[in-house]
């Protein structure tokens, strides 16, 4: 399941990069495309780096 999520975020990053390219050509607002691209890149980096850590005894 984890590989499908990463693959989905990679595909969405390519789509959002193209959307950001159109925003740089002033076809779309850049203040909408920039946070979306940042969020997609953040999710690609954060999901594989998440580690199960010991949270103590309950």
Protein backbone atom coordinates (compact mmCIF):
# COMPACT_ATOMS: atom_id res chain seq x y z
CA UNK A 1 0.00 0.00 0.00
CA UNK A 2 2.85 2.38 0.80
CA UNK A 3 4.32 2.10 -2.70
CA UNK A 4 0.99 3.05 -4.27
CA UNK A 5 0.78 6.18 -2.14
CA UNK A 6 4.30 7.21 -3.08
CA UNK A 7 3.58 6.53 -6.76
CA UNK A 8 0.40 8.60 -6.53
CA UNK A 9 2.30 11.53 -5.02
CA UNK A 10 5.03 11.30 -7.67
CA UNK A 11 2.43 11.42 -10.44
CA UNK A 12 0.68 14.33 -8.75
CA UNK A 13 4.03 16.13 -8.44
CA UNK A 14 4.61 15.89 -12.19
CA UNK A 15 1.08 17.17 -12.82
CA UNK A 16 1.52 20.02 -10.35
CA UNK A 17 4.92 20.89 -11.81
CA UNK A 18 3.27 21.33 -15.20
CA UNK A 19 0.53 23.39 -13.53
CA UNK A 20 3.24 25.53 -11.90
CA UNK A 21 4.92 25.98 -15.28
CA UNK A 22 1.64 27.34 -16.64
CA UNK A 23 1.45 29.63 -13.62
CA UNK A 24 4.90 30.97 -14.45
CA UNK A 25 3.56 31.79 -17.92
CA UNK A 26 0.77 33.78 -16.21
CA UNK A 27 -2.00 31.41 -17.30
CA UNK A 28 -2.95 30.52 -13.71
CA UNK A 29 -2.34 32.29 -10.41
CA UNK A 30 1.05 31.39 -8.99
CA UNK A 31 -0.17 31.74 -5.39
CA UNK A 32 -2.39 28.70 -5.98
CA UNK A 33 0.12 26.49 -7.78
CA UNK A 34 3.12 27.09 -5.50
CA UNK A 35 1.60 25.77 -2.25
CA UNK A 36 0.15 22.75 -4.05
CA UNK A 37 3.53 21.87 -5.53
CA UNK A 38 5.22 22.38 -2.16
CA UNK A 39 2.66 20.13 -0.45
CA UNK A 40 3.15 17.34 -2.98
CA UNK A 41 6.93 17.46 -2.63
CA UNK A 42 6.62 17.54 1.17
CA UNK A 43 4.41 14.44 1.17
CA UNK A 44 6.83 12.55 -1.08
CA UNK A 45 9.67 13.26 1.33
CA UNK A 46 7.78 12.78 4.60
CA UNK A 47 6.05 9.43 3.94
CA UNK A 48 9.17 7.29 3.29
CA UNK A 49 11.11 8.99 6.09
CA UNK A 50 8.45 8.25 8.73
CA UNK A 51 9.87 5.80 11.24
CA UNK A 52 8.13 3.83 13.92
CA UNK A 53 9.59 5.11 17.14
CA UNK A 54 9.28 3.86 20.68
CA UNK A 55 6.83 6.05 22.56
CA UNK A 56 7.31 4.52 25.97
CA UNK A 57 5.38 2.08 28.09
CA UNK A 58 1.76 2.78 28.89
